[in-house]
Amino acid sequence: MTDRVALIEERLRAALQPEDLHIADDSAAHAGHAGARGGGHFSVLIVAQAFAGQSLLQRHRLVYEALGGLMNRDIHALSIKALTPDER
């Protein structure tokens, strides 16, 4: 697990108390991508009750809020699949 993955996991667990959380570091597939500027590419699958009654946009906003400043320096691209336990 990379330091960035650990930071992402720590923030998401603290803010959203997920029942399930999988984070993939996809950065190697984007090596040399000029726009990355040091930030990584990640995919997140998160299952949390916090998403109940929330639209897709609201769910993504909750994830972005939980990650805070990581989005400005450690994460260049983030793919999010946010589900409720019933949608699993």
PDB file of N, CA and C in Angstrom:
ATOM      1  N   MET A   1       0.855  -1.182   0.000  1.00  0.00           N
ATOM      2  CA  MET A   1       0.000   0.000   0.000  1.00  0.00           C
ATOM      3  C   MET A   1       0.896   1.238   0.000  1.00  0.00           C
ATOM      4  N   THR A   2       0.605   2.157  -0.915  1.00  0.00           N
ATOM      5  CA  THR A   2       1.399   3.384  -0.976  1.00  0.00           C
ATOM      6  C   THR A   2       0.927   4.363   0.083  1.00  0.00           C
ATOM      7  N   ASP A   3       1.761   5.361   0.355  1.00  0.00           N
ATOM      8  CA  ASP A   3       1.383   6.391   1.324  1.00  0.00           C
ATOM      9  C   ASP A   3       0.106   7.110   0.895  1.00  0.00           C
ATOM     10  N   ARG A   4      -0.029   7.365  -0.394  1.00  0.00           N
ATOM     11  CA  ARG A   4      -1.231   8.052  -0.884  1.00  0.00           C
ATOM     12  C   ARG A   4      -2.472   7.209  -0.677  1.00  0.00           C
ATOM     13  N   VAL A   5      -2.370   5.917  -0.967  1.00  0.00           N
ATOM     14  CA  VAL A   5      -3.513   5.024  -0.753  1.00  0.00           C
ATOM     15  C   VAL A   5      -3.877   5.008   0.725  1.00  0.00           C
ATOM     16  N   ALA A   6      -2.890   4.961   1.587  1.00  0.00           N
ATOM     17  CA  ALA A   6      -3.140   4.970   3.037  1.00  0.00           C
ATOM     18  C   ALA A   6      -3.826   6.262   3.464  1.00  0.00           C
ATOM     19  N   LEU A   7      -3.410   7.387   2.913  1.00  0.00           N
ATOM     20  CA  LEU A   7      -4.048   8.672   3.237  1.00  0.00           C
ATOM     21  C   LEU A   7      -5.501   8.703   2.766  1.00  0.00           C
ATOM     22  N   ILE A   8      -5.729   8.235   1.549  1.00  0.00           N
ATOM     23  CA  ILE A   8      -7.091   8.188   1.012  1.00  0.00           C
ATOM     24  C   ILE A   8      -7.959   7.306   1.894  1.00  0.00           C
ATOM     25  N   GLU A   9      -7.460   6.129   2.233  1.00  0.00           N
ATOM     26  CA  GLU A   9      -8.221   5.207   3.067  1.00  0.00           C
ATOM     27  C   GLU A   9      -8.529   5.813   4.436  1.00  0.00           C
ATOM     28  N   GLU A  10      -7.540   6.419   5.040  1.00  0.00           N
ATOM     29  CA  GLU A  10      -7.729   7.034   6.366  1.00  0.00           C
ATOM     30  C   GLU A  10      -8.829   8.090   6.335  1.00  0.00           C
ATOM     31  N   ARG A  11      -8.782   8.947   5.337  1.00  0.00           N
ATOM     32  CA  ARG A  11      -9.772  10.033   5.249  1.00  0.00           C
ATOM     33  C   ARG A  11     -11.182   9.508   4.976  1.00  0.00           C
ATOM     34  N   LEU A  12     -11.292   8.557   4.054  1.00  0.00           N
ATOM     35  CA  LEU A  12     -12.617   8.025   3.718  1.00  0.00           C
ATOM     36  C   LEU A  12     -13.217   7.239   4.876  1.00  0.00           C
ATOM     37  N   ARG A  13     -12.407   6.463   5.566  1.00  0.00           N
ATOM     38  CA  ARG A  13     -12.911   5.698   6.715  1.00  0.00           C
ATOM     39  C   ARG A  13     -13.369   6.632   7.834  1.00  0.00           C
ATOM     40  N   ALA A  14     -12.607   7.665   8.097  1.00  0.00           N
ATOM     41  CA  ALA A  14     -12.962   8.603   9.168  1.00  0.00           C
ATOM     42  C   ALA A  14     -14.252   9.359   8.857  1.00  0.00           C
ATOM     43  N   ALA A  15     -14.421   9.774   7.620  1.00  0.00           N
ATOM     44  CA  ALA A  15     -15.560  10.621   7.271  1.00  0.00           C
ATOM     45  C   ALA A  15     -16.837   9.838   6.969  1.00  0.00           C
ATOM     46  N   LEU A  16     -16.708   8.660   6.362  1.00  0.00           N
ATOM     47  CA  LEU A  16     -17.893   7.977   5.834  1.00  0.00           C
ATOM     48  C   LEU A  16     -18.158   6.608   6.455  1.00  0.00           C
ATOM     49  N   GLN A  17     -17.286   6.129   7.317  1.00  0.00           N
ATOM     50  CA  GLN A  17     -17.426   4.822   7.976  1.00  0.00           C
ATOM     51  C   GLN A  17     -17.933   3.749   7.001  1.00  0.00           C
ATOM     52  N   PRO A  18     -17.187   3.486   5.945  1.00  0.00           N
ATOM     53  CA  PRO A  18     -17.660   2.527   4.946  1.00  0.00           C
ATOM     54  C   PRO A  18     -17.688   1.096   5.465  1.00  0.00           C
ATOM     55  N   GLU A  19     -18.637   0.335   4.934  1.00  0.00           N
ATOM     56  CA  GLU A  19     -18.706  -1.100   5.214  1.00  0.00           C
ATOM     57  C   GLU A  19     -17.706  -1.846   4.348  1.00  0.00           C
ATOM     58  N   ASP A  20     -17.402  -1.272   3.203  1.00  0.00           N
ATOM     59  CA  ASP A  20     -16.454  -1.867   2.279  1.00  0.00           C
ATOM     60  C   ASP A  20     -15.713  -0.735   1.577  1.00  0.00           C
ATOM     61  N   LEU A  21     -14.423  -0.916   1.379  1.00  0.00           N
ATOM     62  CA  LEU A  21     -13.616   0.123   0.738  1.00  0.00           C
ATOM     63  C   LEU A  21     -12.455  -0.535   0.008  1.00  0.00           C
ATOM     64  N   HIS A  22     -12.366  -0.266  -1.289  1.00  0.00           N
ATOM     65  CA  HIS A  22     -11.258  -0.766  -2.105  1.00  0.00           C
ATOM     66  C   HIS A  22     -10.675   0.418  -2.862  1.00  0.00           C
ATOM     67  N   ILE A  23      -9.368   0.577  -2.757  1.00  0.00           N
ATOM     68  CA  ILE A  23      -8.679   1.669  -3.429  1.00  0.00           C
ATOM     69  C   ILE A  23      -7.588   1.071  -4.306  1.00  0.00           C
ATOM     70  N   ALA A  24      -7.589   1.439  -5.578  1.00  0.00           N
ATOM     71  CA  ALA A  24      -6.557   0.975  -6.500  1.00  0.00           C
ATOM     72  C   ALA A  24      -5.735   2.173  -6.963  1.00  0.00           C
ATOM     73  N   ASP A  25      -4.419   2.008  -6.942  1.00  0.00           N
ATOM     74  CA  ASP A  25      -3.513   3.034  -7.452  1.00  0.00           C
ATOM     75  C   ASP A  25      -3.259   2.706  -8.920  1.00  0.00           C
ATOM     76  N   ASP A  26      -3.848   3.485  -9.796  1.00  0.00           N
ATOM     77  CA  ASP A  26      -3.742   3.278 -11.234  1.00  0.00           C
ATOM     78  C   ASP A  26      -2.657   4.148 -11.864  1.00  0.00           C
ATOM     79  N   SER A  27      -1.821   4.763 -11.044  1.00  0.00           N
ATOM     80  CA  SER A  27      -0.845   5.737 -11.514  1.00  0.00           C
ATOM     81  C   SER A  27       0.123   5.163 -12.541  1.00  0.00           C
ATOM     82  N   ALA A  28       0.548   3.923 -12.367  1.00  0.00           N
ATOM     83  CA  ALA A  28       1.520   3.333 -13.290  1.00  0.00           C
ATOM     84  C   ALA A  28       0.998   3.302 -14.724  1.00  0.00           C
ATOM     85  N   ALA A  29      -0.296   3.160 -14.876  1.00  0.00           N
ATOM     86  CA  ALA A  29      -0.891   3.124 -16.209  1.00  0.00           C
ATOM     87  C   ALA A  29      -0.888   4.499 -16.880  1.00  0.00           C
ATOM     88  N   HIS A  30      -0.583   5.527 -16.109  1.00  0.00           N
ATOM     89  CA  HIS A  30      -0.603   6.896 -16.621  1.00  0.00           C
ATOM     90  C   HIS A  30       0.767   7.545 -16.549  1.00  0.00           C
ATOM     91  N   ALA A  31       1.812   6.748 -16.450  1.00  0.00           N
ATOM     92  CA  ALA A  31       3.178   7.274 -16.369  1.00  0.00           C
ATOM     93  C   ALA A  31       3.455   8.185 -17.553  1.00  0.00           C
ATOM     94  N   GLY A  32       4.021   9.338 -17.278  1.00  0.00           N
ATOM     95  CA  GLY A  32       4.343  10.293 -18.329  1.00  0.00           C
ATOM     96  C   GLY A  32       3.213  11.215 -18.718  1.00  0.00           C
ATOM     97  N   HIS A  33       2.059  11.049 -18.099  1.00  0.00           N
ATOM     98  CA  HIS A  33       0.908  11.912 -18.368  1.00  0.00           C
ATOM     99  C   HIS A  33       1.245  13.317 -17.891  1.00  0.00           C
ATOM    100  N   ALA A  34       1.348  14.245 -18.804  1.00  0.00           N
ATOM    101  CA  ALA A  34       1.822  15.596 -18.489  1.00  0.00           C
ATOM    102  C   ALA A  34       0.965  16.310 -17.450  1.00  0.00           C
ATOM    103  N   GLY A  35      -0.331  16.063 -17.437  1.00  0.00           N
ATOM    104  CA  GLY A  35      -1.218  16.780 -16.539  1.00  0.00           C
ATOM    105  C   GLY A  35      -1.163  16.324 -15.099  1.00  0.00           C
ATOM    106  N   ALA A  36      -0.542  15.187 -14.828  1.00  0.00           N
ATOM    107  CA  ALA A  36      -0.559  14.625 -13.481  1.00  0.00           C
ATOM    108  C   ALA A  36       0.210  15.480 -12.487  1.00  0.00           C
ATOM    109  N   ARG A  37       1.321  16.070 -12.879  1.00  0.00           N
ATOM    110  CA  ARG A  37       2.121  16.946 -12.020  1.00  0.00           C
ATOM    111  C   ARG A  37       2.332  16.390 -10.618  1.00  0.00           C
ATOM    112  N   GLY A  38       2.674  15.133 -10.549  1.00  0.00           N
ATOM    113  CA  GLY A  38       2.981  14.541  -9.258  1.00  0.00           C
ATOM    114  C   GLY A  38       1.808  13.897  -8.556  1.00  0.00           C
ATOM    115  N   GLY A  39       0.594  14.218  -8.931  1.00  0.00           N
ATOM    116  CA  GLY A  39      -0.578  13.600  -8.329  1.00  0.00           C
ATOM    117  C   GLY A  39      -0.852  12.253  -8.970  1.00  0.00           C
ATOM    118  N   GLY A  40      -1.453  11.351  -8.215  1.00  0.00           N
ATOM    119  CA  GLY A  40      -1.706  10.011  -8.720  1.00  0.00           C
ATOM    120  C   GLY A  40      -3.101   9.829  -9.286  1.00  0.00           C
ATOM    121  N   HIS A  41      -3.277   8.702  -9.942  1.00  0.00           N
ATOM    122  CA  HIS A  41      -4.562   8.282 -10.509  1.00  0.00           C
ATOM    123  C   HIS A  41      -5.075   7.128  -9.647  1.00  0.00           C
ATOM    124  N   PHE A  42      -6.293   7.235  -9.158  1.00  0.00           N
ATOM    125  CA  PHE A  42      -6.838   6.238  -8.246  1.00  0.00           C
ATOM    126  C   PHE A  42      -8.272   5.882  -8.612  1.00  0.00           C
ATOM    127  N   SER A  43      -8.649   4.645  -8.258  1.00  0.00           N
ATOM    128  CA  SER A  43     -10.025   4.182  -8.372  1.00  0.00           C
ATOM    129  C   SER A  43     -10.496   3.792  -6.984  1.00  0.00           C
ATOM    130  N   VAL A  44     -11.712   4.202  -6.642  1.00  0.00           N
ATOM    131  CA  VAL A  44     -12.266   3.916  -5.319  1.00  0.00           C
ATOM    132  C   VAL A  44     -13.625   3.247  -5.470  1.00  0.00           C
ATOM    133  N   LEU A  45     -13.792   2.139  -4.777  1.00  0.00           N
ATOM    134  CA  LEU A  45     -15.104   1.511  -4.606  1.00  0.00           C
ATOM    135  C   LEU A  45     -15.410   1.624  -3.129  1.00  0.00           C
ATOM    136  N   ILE A  46     -16.467   2.341  -2.808  1.00  0.00           N
ATOM    137  CA  ILE A  46     -16.816   2.570  -1.408  1.00  0.00           C
ATOM    138  C   ILE A  46     -18.301   2.268  -1.194  1.00  0.00           C
ATOM    139  N   VAL A  47     -18.566   1.481  -0.172  1.00  0.00           N
ATOM    140  CA  VAL A  47     -19.935   1.112   0.193  1.00  0.00           C
ATOM    141  C   VAL A  47     -20.186   1.667   1.585  1.00  0.00           C
ATOM    142  N   ALA A  48     -21.153   2.595   1.686  1.00  0.00           N
ATOM    143  CA  ALA A  48     -21.409   3.239   2.969  1.00  0.00           C
ATOM    144  C   ALA A  48     -22.879   3.629   3.102  1.00  0.00           C
ATOM    145  N   GLN A  49     -23.384   3.506   4.290  1.00  0.00           N
ATOM    146  CA  GLN A  49     -24.752   3.919   4.585  1.00  0.00           C
ATOM    147  C   GLN A  49     -24.920   5.426   4.395  1.00  0.00           C
ATOM    148  N   ALA A  50     -23.826   6.164   4.490  1.00  0.00           N
ATOM    149  CA  ALA A  50     -23.863   7.620   4.323  1.00  0.00           C
ATOM    150  C   ALA A  50     -24.397   8.030   2.951  1.00  0.00           C
ATOM    151  N   PHE A  51     -24.373   7.122   1.978  1.00  0.00           N
ATOM    152  CA  PHE A  51     -24.845   7.445   0.632  1.00  0.00           C
ATOM    153  C   PHE A  51     -26.347   7.223   0.444  1.00  0.00           C
ATOM    154  N   ALA A  52     -27.008   6.675   1.433  1.00  0.00           N
ATOM    155  CA  ALA A  52     -28.445   6.413   1.323  1.00  0.00           C
ATOM    156  C   ALA A  52     -29.197   7.718   1.074  1.00  0.00           C
ATOM    157  N   GLY A  53     -30.067   7.697   0.083  1.00  0.00           N
ATOM    158  CA  GLY A  53     -30.873   8.871  -0.236  1.00  0.00           C
ATOM    159  C   GLY A  53     -30.115   9.966  -0.964  1.00  0.00           C
ATOM    160  N   GLN A  54     -28.864   9.710  -1.336  1.00  0.00           N
ATOM    161  CA  GLN A  54     -28.038  10.720  -2.000  1.00  0.00           C
ATOM    162  C   GLN A  54     -27.969  10.423  -3.500  1.00  0.00           C
ATOM    163  N   SER A  55     -27.967  11.474  -4.310  1.00  0.00           N
ATOM    164  CA  SER A  55     -27.782  11.312  -5.746  1.00  0.00           C
ATOM    165  C   SER A  55     -26.318  10.970  -6.023  1.00  0.00           C
ATOM    166  N   LEU A  56     -26.032  10.581  -7.247  1.00  0.00           N
ATOM    167  CA  LEU A  56     -24.656  10.286  -7.635  1.00  0.00           C
ATOM    168  C   LEU A  56     -23.756  11.499  -7.385  1.00  0.00           C
ATOM    169  N   LEU A  57     -24.213  12.672  -7.769  1.00  0.00           N
ATOM    170  CA  LEU A  57     -23.434  13.891  -7.565  1.00  0.00           C
ATOM    171  C   LEU A  57     -23.191  14.146  -6.081  1.00  0.00           C
ATOM    172  N   GLN A  58     -24.200  13.973  -5.254  1.00  0.00           N
ATOM    173  CA  GLN A  58     -24.044  14.181  -3.813  1.00  0.00           C
ATOM    174  C   GLN A  58     -23.064  13.178  -3.213  1.00  0.00           C
ATOM    175  N   ARG A  59     -23.098  11.950  -3.676  1.00  0.00           N
ATOM    176  CA  ARG A  59     -22.168  10.923  -3.190  1.00  0.00           C
ATOM    177  C   ARG A  59     -20.732  11.303  -3.528  1.00  0.00           C
ATOM    178  N   HIS A  60     -20.531  11.747  -4.756  1.00  0.00           N
ATOM    179  CA  HIS A  60     -19.183  12.146  -5.162  1.00  0.00           C
ATOM    180  C   HIS A  60     -18.711  13.353  -4.360  1.00  0.00           C
ATOM    181  N   ARG A  61     -19.600  14.274  -4.114  1.00  0.00           N
ATOM    182  CA  ARG A  61     -19.225  15.438  -3.292  1.00  0.00           C
ATOM    183  C   ARG A  61     -18.812  15.022  -1.890  1.00  0.00           C
ATOM    184  N   LEU A  62     -19.499  14.041  -1.310  1.00  0.00           N
ATOM    185  CA  LEU A  62     -19.123  13.538   0.015  1.00  0.00           C
ATOM    186  C   LEU A  62     -17.714  12.950  -0.008  1.00  0.00           C
ATOM    187  N   VAL A  63     -17.402  12.227  -1.056  1.00  0.00           N
ATOM    188  CA  VAL A  63     -16.056  11.650  -1.181  1.00  0.00           C
ATOM    189  C   VAL A  63     -15.026  12.763  -1.326  1.00  0.00           C
ATOM    190  N   TYR A  64     -15.277  13.728  -2.209  1.00  0.00           N
ATOM    191  CA  TYR A  64     -14.338  14.834  -2.404  1.00  0.00           C
ATOM    192  C   TYR A  64     -14.149  15.641  -1.121  1.00  0.00           C
ATOM    193  N   GLU A  65     -15.220  15.875  -0.387  1.00  0.00           N
ATOM    194  CA  GLU A  65     -15.116  16.605   0.878  1.00  0.00           C
ATOM    195  C   GLU A  65     -14.264  15.837   1.880  1.00  0.00           C
ATOM    196  N   ALA A  66     -14.439  14.524   1.918  1.00  0.00           N
ATOM    197  CA  ALA A  66     -13.657  13.693   2.836  1.00  0.00           C
ATOM    198  C   ALA A  66     -12.167  13.746   2.485  1.00  0.00           C
ATOM    199  N   LEU A  67     -11.857  13.818   1.202  1.00  0.00           N
ATOM    200  CA  LEU A  67     -10.462  13.825   0.777  1.00  0.00           C
ATOM    201  C   LEU A  67      -9.811  15.194   0.909  1.00  0.00           C
ATOM    202  N   GLY A  68     -10.614  16.232   0.916  1.00  0.00           N
ATOM    203  CA  GLY A  68     -10.112  17.588   1.153  1.00  0.00           C
ATOM    204  C   GLY A  68      -8.914  17.958   0.297  1.00  0.00           C
ATOM    205  N   GLY A  69      -7.863  18.424   0.943  1.00  0.00           N
ATOM    206  CA  GLY A  69      -6.671  18.916   0.258  1.00  0.00           C
ATOM    207  C   GLY A  69      -5.918  17.881  -0.554  1.00  0.00           C
ATOM    208  N   LEU A  70      -6.185  16.600  -0.337  1.00  0.00           N
ATOM    209  CA  LEU A  70      -5.515  15.569  -1.140  1.00  0.00           C
ATOM    210  C   LEU A  70      -5.838  15.737  -2.618  1.00  0.00           C
ATOM    211  N   MET A  71      -7.031  16.272  -2.905  1.00  0.00           N
ATOM    212  CA  MET A  71      -7.439  16.467  -4.297  1.00  0.00           C
ATOM    213  C   MET A  71      -6.586  17.533  -4.983  1.00  0.00           C
ATOM    214  N   ASN A  72      -5.966  18.403  -4.232  1.00  0.00           N
ATOM    215  CA  ASN A  72      -5.166  19.480  -4.821  1.00  0.00           C
ATOM    216  C   ASN A  72      -3.701  19.119  -4.988  1.00  0.00           C
ATOM    217  N   ARG A  73      -3.236  18.082  -4.262  1.00  0.00           N
ATOM    218  CA  ARG A  73      -1.802  17.803  -4.332  1.00  0.00           C
ATOM    219  C   ARG A  73      -1.453  16.331  -4.552  1.00  0.00           C
ATOM    220  N   ASP A  74      -2.190  15.417  -4.007  1.00  0.00           N
ATOM    221  CA  ASP A  74      -1.833  14.001  -4.076  1.00  0.00           C
ATOM    222  C   ASP A  74      -2.654  13.211  -5.088  1.00  0.00           C
ATOM    223  N   ILE A  75      -3.793  13.739  -5.484  1.00  0.00           N
ATOM    224  CA  ILE A  75      -4.679  13.038  -6.411  1.00  0.00           C
ATOM    225  C   ILE A  75      -4.879  13.893  -7.648  1.00  0.00           C
ATOM    226  N   HIS A  76      -4.524  13.332  -8.790  1.00  0.00           N
ATOM    227  CA  HIS A  76      -4.762  14.024 -10.056  1.00  0.00           C
ATOM    228  C   HIS A  76      -6.087  13.581 -10.667  1.00  0.00           C
ATOM    229  N   ALA A  77      -6.357  12.268 -10.586  1.00  0.00           N
ATOM    230  CA  ALA A  77      -7.582  11.720 -11.164  1.00  0.00           C
ATOM    231  C   ALA A  77      -8.162  10.689 -10.203  1.00  0.00           C
ATOM    232  N   LEU A  78      -9.482  10.705 -10.073  1.00  0.00           N
ATOM    233  CA  LEU A  78     -10.147   9.799  -9.149  1.00  0.00           C
ATOM    234  C   LEU A  78     -11.414   9.248  -9.794  1.00  0.00           C
ATOM    235  N   SER A  79     -11.478   7.932  -9.905  1.00  0.00           N
ATOM    236  CA  SER A  79     -12.667   7.247 -10.378  1.00  0.00           C
ATOM    237  C   SER A  79     -13.406   6.740  -9.137  1.00  0.00           C
ATOM    238  N   ILE A  80     -14.690   7.097  -9.013  1.00  0.00           N
ATOM    239  CA  ILE A  80     -15.449   6.769  -7.801  1.00  0.00           C
ATOM    240  C   ILE A  80     -16.647   5.902  -8.142  1.00  0.00           C
ATOM    241  N   LYS A  81     -16.792   4.802  -7.422  1.00  0.00           N
ATOM    242  CA  LYS A  81     -18.017   4.010  -7.443  1.00  0.00           C
ATOM    243  C   LYS A  81     -18.493   4.006  -5.999  1.00  0.00           C
ATOM    244  N   ALA A  82     -19.569   4.746  -5.724  1.00  0.00           N
ATOM    245  CA  ALA A  82     -20.081   4.930  -4.365  1.00  0.00           C
ATOM    246  C   ALA A  82     -21.466   4.299  -4.269  1.00  0.00           C
ATOM    247  N   LEU A  83     -21.580   3.297  -3.406  1.00  0.00           N
ATOM    248  CA  LEU A  83     -22.826   2.530  -3.273  1.00  0.00           C
ATOM    249  C   LEU A  83     -23.303   2.491  -1.829  1.00  0.00           C
ATOM    250  N   THR A  84     -24.598   2.264  -1.680  1.00  0.00           N
ATOM    251  CA  THR A  84     -25.137   1.962  -0.351  1.00  0.00           C
ATOM    252  C   THR A  84     -25.001   0.455  -0.140  1.00  0.00           C
ATOM    253  N   PRO A  85     -25.105  -0.013   1.099  1.00  0.00           N
ATOM    254  CA  PRO A  85     -25.041  -1.471   1.325  1.00  0.00           C
ATOM    255  C   PRO A  85     -26.101  -2.242   0.543  1.00  0.00           C
ATOM    256  N   ASP A  86     -27.280  -1.668   0.343  1.00  0.00           N
ATOM    257  CA  ASP A  86     -28.344  -2.329  -0.408  1.00  0.00           C
ATOM    258  C   ASP A  86     -28.048  -2.440  -1.903  1.00  0.00           C
ATOM    259  N   GLU A  87     -27.170  -1.587  -2.414  1.00  0.00           N
ATOM    260  CA  GLU A  87     -26.843  -1.569  -3.841  1.00  0.00           C
ATOM    261  C   GLU A  87     -25.671  -2.494  -4.183  1.00  0.00           C
ATOM    262  N   ARG A  88     -25.082  -3.048  -3.198  1.00  0.00           N
ATOM    263  CA  ARG A  88     -23.893  -3.884  -3.393  1.00  0.00           C
ATOM    264  C   ARG A  88     -24.171  -5.052  -4.275  1.00  0.00           C
TER     265      ARG A  88
END
